[in-house]
Amino acid sequence: MERIQNAVLQLARRADQQDQSLLNAAFVNVGNLLANLSSVDHQIIFGRRGTGKTHALRYFQSEKLKNGDIAIYIDMRNIGSDTSIYGNTQFDIYYRAKILLLDVFNAITNELIDSIFKSDAIDDNIFSKIEQLQNQITSIDVVSSRDITESGVATTGNSTGMGMKAD
């Protein structure tokens, strides 16, 4: 009995810590999950801890990679830290949102670069495209609805009074 308990204790409890081949072998496509994840429409995945959100996304990523697509997975727990600027109320919400957005886009860019280097077929123009992406990322600004009204700049916005613009 002790051997069984020790074996169970050594199992990774989180999908992000599990070997990808084990995740793939254990995956069960429930309902239209993969079809829904493949949709070009926005998706929100939510659920209690341990319900398989990461497992499904990692499996979806592996399927996309098999098809020759670039698919990246970013663990948002690794963006910033508990003592980061995101929760520091000494800075206004717009500044904190901008820093978070830039950190997320930079993580995406880094994962794209890693994926390109792991790829067998590197397009000659890909590095100039990555540089263009990085230039666009650095021009992002998060502004208040007051700033949007005063500047007359076309932006994307929402009902919270926050928007995003890129020069």
Foldseek 3Di string as FASTA:
>chain_A
DVVVVVVVVPDDQDPVPDDLVVLLVPDDDPDCLLVVVPDPDDDDDDDDPSPCPVSSLSNSCVVCVVVVHHDDDDDLCPQADPPGPLPPVVDPNQVSVLSSQLSVLVVVLVSVVVSQVVDPDHDPCVVVVSVVSNLQSVQKGKDFLVVCVVVVDDFDDDPVRITMDGD
